[in-house]
Protein backbone atom coordinates (compact mmCIF):
# COMPACT_ATOMS: atom_id res chain seq x y z
CA UNK A 1 164.46 95.68 175.01
CA UNK A 2 166.51 98.70 176.12
CA UNK A 3 168.46 100.48 173.39
CA UNK A 4 172.19 99.84 173.21
CA UNK A 5 174.38 102.49 174.85
CA UNK A 6 177.37 103.09 172.61
CA UNK A 7 180.72 103.85 174.21
CA UNK A 8 182.73 106.86 173.05
CA UNK A 9 185.14 104.51 171.27
CA UNK A 10 182.28 102.73 169.49
CA UNK A 11 180.75 106.05 168.40
CA UNK A 12 184.11 107.21 167.06
CA UNK A 13 184.51 103.96 165.14
CA UNK A 14 181.05 104.30 163.62
CA UNK A 15 181.79 107.89 162.56
CA UNK A 16 185.00 106.80 160.80
CA UNK A 17 183.64 103.55 159.32
CA UNK A 18 183.06 103.41 155.57
CA UNK A 19 180.32 101.82 153.49
CA UNK A 20 180.55 101.31 149.74
CA UNK A 21 177.43 101.17 147.55
CA UNK A 22 177.63 99.92 143.94
CA UNK A 23 174.53 100.11 141.72
CA UNK A 24 174.68 97.68 138.82
CA UNK A 25 172.60 96.79 135.77
CA UNK A 26 173.80 94.21 133.24
CA UNK A 27 177.52 94.55 133.94
CA UNK A 28 178.55 90.90 134.22
CA UNK A 29 181.78 91.54 132.31
CA UNK A 30 182.79 94.62 134.34
CA UNK A 31 181.44 94.35 137.90
CA UNK A 32 184.22 91.96 138.94
CA UNK A 33 186.87 94.58 138.13
CA UNK A 34 184.98 97.20 140.14
CA UNK A 35 184.73 94.89 143.15
CA UNK A 36 188.40 93.95 142.88
CA UNK A 37 189.26 97.65 143.16
CA UNK A 38 187.20 97.81 146.37
CA UNK A 39 188.85 94.72 147.85
CA UNK A 40 192.27 96.21 147.00
CA UNK A 41 191.70 99.38 149.04
CA UNK A 42 194.38 100.19 151.60
CA UNK A 43 191.50 101.31 153.83
CA UNK A 44 189.03 98.44 153.67
CA UNK A 45 185.35 99.41 154.00
CA UNK A 46 183.22 97.90 156.74
CA UNK A 47 180.25 97.45 154.38
CA UNK A 48 180.11 96.62 150.67
CA UNK A 49 176.58 96.84 149.29
CA UNK A 50 175.80 95.96 145.67
CA UNK A 51 172.35 96.90 144.37
CA UNK A 52 171.31 94.91 141.32
CA UNK A 53 168.75 96.97 139.42
CA UNK A 54 167.15 94.15 137.45
CA UNK A 55 170.04 92.59 135.52
CA UNK A 56 169.28 89.90 132.95
CA UNK A 57 172.82 89.02 131.82
CA UNK A 58 173.94 86.87 134.76
CA UNK A 59 175.21 89.74 136.91
CA UNK A 60 173.14 88.70 139.93
CA UNK A 61 174.32 85.10 139.75
CA UNK A 62 177.92 86.28 139.52
CA UNK A 63 177.45 88.51 142.58
CA UNK A 64 176.12 85.60 144.64
CA UNK A 65 179.47 83.91 144.14
CA UNK A 66 181.10 86.48 146.42
CA UNK A 67 179.26 85.07 149.43
CA UNK A 68 179.36 87.15 152.60
CA UNK A 69 182.07 89.46 151.26
CA UNK A 70 179.28 91.66 149.93
CA UNK A 71 175.65 92.43 150.72
CA UNK A 72 173.35 92.09 147.71
CA UNK A 73 170.19 94.15 147.40
CA UNK A 74 167.80 94.30 144.48
CA UNK A 75 165.67 96.99 142.90
CA UNK A 76 163.40 96.98 139.86
CA UNK A 77 164.88 99.28 137.23
CA UNK A 78 164.95 102.20 139.64
CA UNK A 79 167.81 103.85 137.74
CA UNK A 80 171.24 104.80 139.14
CA UNK A 81 169.84 107.33 141.62
CA UNK A 82 167.11 105.02 142.90
CA UNK A 83 169.54 102.12 143.26
CA UNK A 84 171.98 104.31 145.18
CA UNK A 85 169.20 105.40 147.52
CA UNK A 86 168.27 101.74 148.05
CA UNK A 87 171.81 101.06 149.20
CA UNK A 88 172.06 104.27 151.23
CA UNK A 89 169.05 103.18 153.29
CA UNK A 90 170.98 100.11 154.48
CA UNK A 91 174.25 101.87 155.32
CA UNK A 92 175.34 101.48 158.95
CA UNK A 93 178.58 103.44 158.67
CA UNK A 94 179.37 107.10 159.26
CA UNK A 95 180.85 107.57 155.79
CA UNK A 96 179.64 106.33 152.43
CA UNK A 97 181.07 106.17 148.91
CA UNK A 98 179.42 105.12 145.66
CA UNK A 99 181.27 103.30 142.89
CA UNK A 100 179.82 102.77 139.43
CA UNK A 101 179.97 99.17 138.26
CA UNK A 102 182.21 99.98 135.29
CA UNK A 103 184.72 102.23 137.07
CA UNK A 104 187.73 101.54 139.29
CA UNK A 105 189.11 103.17 142.42
CA UNK A 106 192.81 103.76 142.91
CA UNK A 107 194.08 101.61 145.84
CA UNK A 108 194.33 104.54 148.26
CA UNK A 109 191.07 106.22 147.20
CA UNK A 110 189.02 105.58 150.34
CA UNK A 111 191.94 106.26 152.69
CA UNK A 112 192.77 109.54 150.96
CA UNK A 113 189.18 110.79 150.90
CA UNK A 114 188.35 109.65 154.44
CA UNK A 115 191.47 111.14 156.00
CA UNK A 116 190.83 114.49 154.33
CA UNK A 117 187.13 114.62 155.19
CA UNK A 118 187.72 113.59 158.81
CA UNK A 119 190.56 116.07 159.34
CA UNK A 120 188.47 118.93 157.98
CA UNK A 121 185.25 117.79 159.68
CA UNK A 122 183.64 118.23 156.28
CA UNK A 123 180.44 116.91 154.75
CA UNK A 124 182.25 115.43 151.76
CA UNK A 125 185.63 115.00 150.10
CA UNK A 126 186.10 115.19 146.34
CA UNK A 127 189.07 113.83 144.43
CA UNK A 128 190.14 113.89 140.81
CA UNK A 129 189.20 111.37 138.13
CA UNK A 130 191.20 109.96 135.25
CA UNK A 131 189.63 108.64 132.06
CA UNK A 132 190.45 105.37 130.31
CA UNK A 133 189.06 104.64 126.85
CA UNK A 134 188.25 100.94 126.57
CA UNK A 135 187.97 98.92 123.35
CA UNK A 136 185.22 100.39 121.20
CA UNK A 137 184.94 103.46 123.39
CA UNK A 138 185.61 107.10 122.64
CA UNK A 139 185.72 110.44 124.37
CA UNK A 140 182.45 112.42 124.52
CA UNK A 141 184.15 115.22 122.60
CA UNK A 142 187.70 116.02 121.40
CA UNK A 143 188.27 118.44 124.28
CA UNK A 144 187.58 115.88 127.02
CA UNK A 145 190.83 115.65 129.02
CA UNK A 146 192.55 112.31 129.55
CA UNK A 147 194.62 113.64 132.45
CA UNK A 148 193.26 113.76 135.98
CA UNK A 149 190.53 116.37 136.27
CA UNK A 150 187.65 117.31 138.56
CA UNK A 151 184.78 115.73 136.70
CA UNK A 152 181.38 115.78 138.37
CA UNK A 153 181.40 112.06 139.10
CA UNK A 154 179.84 110.59 142.23
CA UNK A 155 182.49 107.82 142.54
CA UNK A 156 185.22 110.44 143.03
CA UNK A 157 183.51 111.59 146.23
CA UNK A 158 183.12 110.38 149.82
CA UNK A 159 180.17 111.58 151.89
CA UNK A 160 179.26 111.94 155.52
CA UNK A 161 176.30 109.56 155.68
CA UNK A 162 174.19 111.78 157.93
CA UNK A 163 174.79 114.81 155.70
CA UNK A 164 173.76 112.94 152.56
CA UNK A 165 170.62 111.60 154.22
CA UNK A 166 169.73 115.08 155.48
CA UNK A 167 170.09 116.31 151.90
CA UNK A 168 167.57 113.70 150.78
CA UNK A 169 169.99 111.42 148.97
CA UNK A 170 169.79 111.28 145.19
CA UNK A 171 166.88 112.53 143.09
CA UNK A 172 165.36 109.26 141.88
CA UNK A 173 163.23 111.11 139.33
CA UNK A 174 166.38 111.85 137.33
CA UNK A 175 167.62 109.02 135.10
CA UNK A 176 170.56 111.12 133.95
CA UNK A 177 172.35 114.09 135.47
CA UNK A 178 171.75 113.01 139.07
CA UNK A 179 175.40 113.72 139.86
CA UNK A 180 175.15 117.35 138.74
CA UNK A 181 171.88 117.72 140.63
CA UNK A 182 173.48 116.44 143.83
CA UNK A 183 176.39 118.87 143.58
CA UNK A 184 173.93 121.70 142.93
CA UNK A 185 172.04 120.86 146.13
CA UNK A 186 175.29 120.45 148.10
CA UNK A 187 176.24 124.00 147.13
CA UNK A 188 172.77 125.32 147.90
CA UNK A 189 173.05 123.92 151.43
CA UNK A 190 176.59 125.32 151.80
CA UNK A 191 178.22 121.96 152.41
CA UNK A 192 181.79 121.89 153.63
CA UNK A 193 183.62 120.01 150.86
CA UNK A 194 187.33 119.19 150.74
CA UNK A 195 188.65 119.23 147.17
CA UNK A 196 191.79 117.14 146.66
CA UNK A 197 194.34 117.45 143.87
CA UNK A 198 194.83 113.69 143.72
CA UNK A 199 193.31 111.15 141.35
CA UNK A 200 191.15 108.61 143.17
CA UNK A 201 189.04 107.24 140.30
CA UNK A 202 189.58 105.64 136.91
CA UNK A 203 186.49 106.47 134.85
CA UNK A 204 186.21 104.02 131.97
CA UNK A 205 184.64 104.92 128.63
CA UNK A 206 183.08 102.07 126.67
CA UNK A 207 180.32 101.67 124.05
CA UNK A 208 177.52 101.13 126.60
CA UNK A 209 178.05 104.30 128.60
CA UNK A 210 178.66 106.25 125.39
CA UNK A 211 175.19 105.22 124.18
CA UNK A 212 173.65 106.29 127.48
CA UNK A 213 175.45 109.62 127.27
CA UNK A 214 174.03 110.32 123.81
CA UNK A 215 170.51 109.26 124.74
CA UNK A 216 170.30 111.07 128.05
CA UNK A 217 172.51 114.14 127.92
CA UNK A 218 170.11 116.61 126.33
CA UNK A 219 167.19 115.70 128.56
CA UNK A 220 169.39 115.65 131.65
CA UNK A 221 170.65 119.18 131.11
CA UNK A 222 167.09 120.40 130.49
CA UNK A 223 165.89 118.78 133.73
CA UNK A 224 168.80 120.24 135.71
CA UNK A 225 168.27 123.73 134.30
CA UNK A 226 164.56 123.58 135.10
CA UNK A 227 165.27 122.37 138.64
CA UNK A 228 167.89 125.08 139.19
CA UNK A 229 165.42 127.77 138.11
CA UNK A 230 162.80 126.36 140.48
CA UNK A 231 165.26 126.40 143.38
CA UNK A 232 166.28 129.99 142.68
CA UNK A 233 162.65 131.11 142.55
CA UNK A 234 161.83 129.29 145.80
CA UNK A 235 164.71 131.15 147.46
CA UNK A 236 163.54 134.49 146.08
CA UNK A 237 166.51 134.98 143.74
């Protein structure tokens, strides 16, 4: 069968179209809020992909209730990076954003990021994040700001799909710190990134992600430091 010949208008639409990927593991009480924030976007995405990474708390059954509003993929405890890569492989849009299953986007998040990235012909756009402390949650340390700030959080970014694939996606060997690793590689490859002074994300702190922070932070920073040293040596620095 001959390959489809895309018109200029179709190619332009594909370049501007947006896919959303949400990795999830045992978030039955929170994933609905995350999806509601996607459905409430002023710029609706063309694809919504949810990757269930082996949930056992009814998350997958809950997701099936959304019918064809979302595409459900599964992975077997691949971790956040591996689950994101699983979703990235199925993206058919020119732009892609990743939302964590316990966070929320502001209603204009995708529109704001997409307009800025497209206007600048950039590889990515990066907005600010605000922090909300949920019941039983706490800040990682007393100096953590509540106000909007430029945290290294993947859900506060929008990517050019081709650029992210060329970069190799996320490092699936990292269970923690994959966001910092990605930004490090973006800088190494001299990505064009638009940084916006507008909050696009509500990052929610709760007991579960606090526990993960405590368990993984030390090892994550060690892995990132070791990888950074390896990259510098490979570049002769």
